[in-house]
Amino acid sequence: MQATDYTDLTRRIEAAGFERIRFTWCDLHGALRSKTLLKAAALRALYSGVGMAGTLMLKDHADKTAFPVFDLQALKAFTGLERFAQASNVLLRADPLTLLSLPWDASTGLLRCETWFPDGTPVAWDTRRLLRQALKSLAARGWSMRCGLEVSII
């Protein structure tokens, strides 16, 4: 995990008057998830990361953990999931370039995050990381991606 200087981000959070910061990540189904911290805790978490149960990355559409995290033998059948054994924790690390103010709550800021294991190893299933890799692969072929939001009401 690369050390990032969050000094400028800290100044921007202070200047905006945020009382809370939402640390967000996108799960494997495209749903935005978050952990909200009060400002003092959020400023500390910029440097240490925000801990969360790794199983939050392994949910299905019903919010049920979709993989057998307490059965290491069964878990090994899924490439790259061994590190999630025993519901191990991961860390959210904020991307300092993504600070936003919530339009419906000016006292709350939002930061997009990437997920890392506590030892500094990137989580291979992190959706921001997967998208970045896919875009690089497309660019290497001279292609790009265009996408849009599909909203469905059930």
Protein backbone atom coordinates (compact mmCIF):
# COMPACT_ATOMS: atom_id res chain seq x y z
CA MET A 1 0.00 0.00 0.00
CA GLN A 2 1.46 3.32 -0.99
CA ALA A 3 1.74 6.06 1.58
CA THR A 4 -0.18 9.11 0.48
CA ASP A 5 0.23 12.64 1.76
CA TYR A 6 -3.26 13.71 2.74
CA THR A 7 -2.24 17.21 3.89
CA ASP A 8 -4.03 18.99 1.03
CA LEU A 9 -7.10 16.78 1.41
CA THR A 10 -7.21 17.57 5.13
CA ARG A 11 -7.14 21.31 4.31
CA ARG A 12 -9.97 20.86 1.77
CA ILE A 13 -12.09 18.93 4.30
CA GLU A 14 -11.53 21.65 6.91
CA ALA A 15 -12.28 24.46 4.43
CA ALA A 16 -15.52 22.79 3.31
CA GLY A 17 -16.75 22.59 6.90
CA PHE A 18 -17.55 18.88 6.70
CA GLU A 19 -18.70 17.28 9.94
CA ARG A 20 -18.73 13.75 8.53
CA ILE A 21 -16.96 11.90 5.72
CA ARG A 22 -18.35 8.90 3.88
CA PHE A 23 -15.66 6.48 2.74
CA THR A 24 -17.22 4.67 -0.22
CA TRP A 25 -16.52 1.65 -2.37
CA CYS A 26 -18.49 -0.06 -5.09
CA ASP A 27 -19.27 -3.72 -4.51
CA LEU A 28 -19.07 -6.45 -7.14
CA HIS A 29 -22.68 -5.80 -8.18
CA GLY A 30 -22.18 -2.09 -8.74
CA ALA A 31 -23.86 -1.01 -5.51
CA LEU A 32 -22.23 1.90 -3.72
CA ARG A 33 -21.49 1.11 -0.08
CA SER A 34 -20.00 3.35 2.57
CA LYS A 35 -18.80 3.82 6.11
CA THR A 36 -19.37 7.26 7.62
CA LEU A 37 -16.98 8.72 10.18
CA LEU A 38 -17.11 11.94 12.15
CA LYS A 39 -14.52 14.46 10.95
CA ALA A 40 -11.87 13.86 13.64
CA ALA A 41 -11.96 10.09 13.09
CA ALA A 42 -12.06 10.57 9.31
CA LEU A 43 -8.93 12.74 9.33
CA ARG A 44 -7.06 10.03 11.27
CA ALA A 45 -8.45 7.35 8.95
CA LEU A 46 -6.95 9.10 5.92
CA TYR A 47 -3.58 7.84 7.13
CA SER A 48 -4.53 4.54 8.76
CA GLY A 49 -7.38 3.44 6.50
CA VAL A 50 -10.91 2.50 7.47
CA GLY A 51 -11.26 -1.09 8.60
CA MET A 52 -14.18 -3.21 7.53
CA ALA A 53 -15.11 -6.86 7.43
CA GLY A 54 -13.92 -8.34 4.14
CA THR A 55 -17.23 -10.15 3.78
CA LEU A 56 -18.81 -6.82 2.81
CA MET A 57 -17.04 -7.28 -0.53
CA LEU A 58 -18.49 -10.77 -0.98
CA LYS A 59 -22.23 -10.12 -0.74
CA ASP A 60 -24.85 -11.22 -3.24
CA HIS A 61 -27.89 -9.14 -4.21
CA ALA A 62 -29.69 -10.20 -1.03
CA ASP A 63 -26.78 -8.95 1.12
CA LYS A 64 -25.92 -12.54 2.00
CA THR A 65 -22.22 -13.51 2.05
CA ALA A 66 -21.98 -15.54 -1.13
CA PHE A 67 -18.76 -17.45 -0.39
CA PRO A 68 -17.94 -19.95 2.39
CA VAL A 69 -15.46 -17.74 4.27
CA PHE A 70 -15.32 -20.08 7.27
CA ASP A 71 -14.51 -23.16 5.17
CA LEU A 72 -10.96 -22.68 3.85
CA GLN A 73 -11.05 -25.81 1.65
CA ALA A 74 -14.25 -24.69 -0.06
CA LEU A 75 -12.99 -21.12 -0.32
CA LYS A 76 -9.86 -22.25 -2.18
CA ALA A 77 -12.10 -23.28 -5.08
CA PHE A 78 -12.58 -19.57 -5.82
CA THR A 79 -9.46 -17.92 -7.24
CA GLY A 80 -8.16 -15.08 -5.11
CA LEU A 81 -10.53 -15.52 -2.20
CA GLU A 82 -8.22 -17.33 0.21
CA ARG A 83 -7.27 -14.01 1.83
CA PHE A 84 -10.91 -13.59 2.91
CA ALA A 85 -10.80 -16.74 5.07
CA GLN A 86 -12.34 -16.40 8.52
CA ALA A 87 -14.01 -13.15 7.38
CA SER A 88 -10.69 -11.30 7.55
CA ASN A 89 -10.65 -7.53 7.54
CA VAL A 90 -9.72 -5.18 4.73
CA LEU A 91 -8.92 -1.47 4.72
CA LEU A 92 -10.51 1.32 2.73
CA ARG A 93 -7.94 3.86 1.52
CA ALA A 94 -9.29 7.15 0.20
CA ASP A 95 -8.47 8.55 -3.23
CA PRO A 96 -7.75 12.21 -2.35
CA LEU A 97 -8.85 13.42 -5.79
CA THR A 98 -12.44 12.27 -5.30
CA LEU A 99 -13.68 14.48 -2.46
CA LEU A 100 -17.28 15.55 -3.07
CA SER A 101 -19.94 17.33 -1.06
CA LEU A 102 -23.27 15.55 -0.84
CA PRO A 103 -25.85 17.78 -2.56
CA TRP A 104 -28.53 16.91 0.02
CA ASP A 105 -26.21 17.32 3.04
CA ALA A 106 -23.50 19.97 2.74
CA SER A 107 -22.00 18.91 6.08
CA THR A 108 -21.07 15.47 4.71
CA GLY A 109 -18.19 14.80 2.34
CA LEU A 110 -17.73 11.70 0.23
CA LEU A 111 -14.49 9.99 -0.78
CA ARG A 112 -14.09 7.06 -3.15
CA CYS A 113 -11.82 4.35 -1.82
CA GLU A 114 -9.86 1.31 -2.88
CA THR A 115 -9.57 -1.79 -0.73
CA TRP A 116 -6.37 -3.26 0.65
CA PHE A 117 -5.47 -6.08 2.99
CA PRO A 118 -3.93 -4.89 6.28
CA ASP A 119 -0.45 -6.00 5.12
CA GLY A 120 -0.61 -3.56 2.18
CA THR A 121 -1.55 -6.08 -0.51
CA PRO A 122 -4.20 -4.74 -2.90
CA VAL A 123 -7.51 -6.63 -2.92
CA ALA A 124 -7.69 -8.13 -6.41
CA TRP A 125 -11.51 -7.95 -6.44
CA ASP A 126 -11.56 -4.20 -5.80
CA THR A 127 -13.89 -2.79 -8.45
CA ARG A 128 -11.98 0.49 -8.99
CA ARG A 129 -8.80 -1.51 -9.52
CA LEU A 130 -10.56 -3.96 -11.88
CA LEU A 131 -12.01 -1.09 -13.93
CA ARG A 132 -8.61 0.61 -14.19
CA GLN A 133 -7.05 -2.67 -15.40
CA ALA A 134 -9.83 -3.18 -17.95
CA LEU A 135 -9.41 0.37 -19.28
CA LYS A 136 -5.64 -0.16 -19.65
CA SER A 137 -6.27 -3.39 -21.52
CA LEU A 138 -8.70 -1.65 -23.87
CA ALA A 139 -6.32 1.27 -24.42
CA ALA A 140 -3.52 -1.14 -25.30
CA ARG A 141 -5.74 -2.35 -28.16
CA GLY A 142 -6.63 1.19 -29.22
CA TRP A 143 -10.14 0.90 -27.80
CA SER A 144 -12.04 2.84 -25.17
CA MET A 145 -15.17 2.27 -23.14
CA ARG A 146 -18.39 4.20 -23.16
CA CYS A 147 -21.05 3.41 -20.61
CA GLY A 148 -24.18 4.85 -19.16
CA LEU A 149 -26.44 4.48 -16.17
CA GLU A 150 -29.38 2.13 -16.47
CA VAL A 151 -32.01 2.86 -13.89
CA SER A 152 -34.73 0.30 -13.36
CA ILE A 153 -37.70 0.57 -11.06
CA ILE A 154 -38.97 -2.71 -9.77
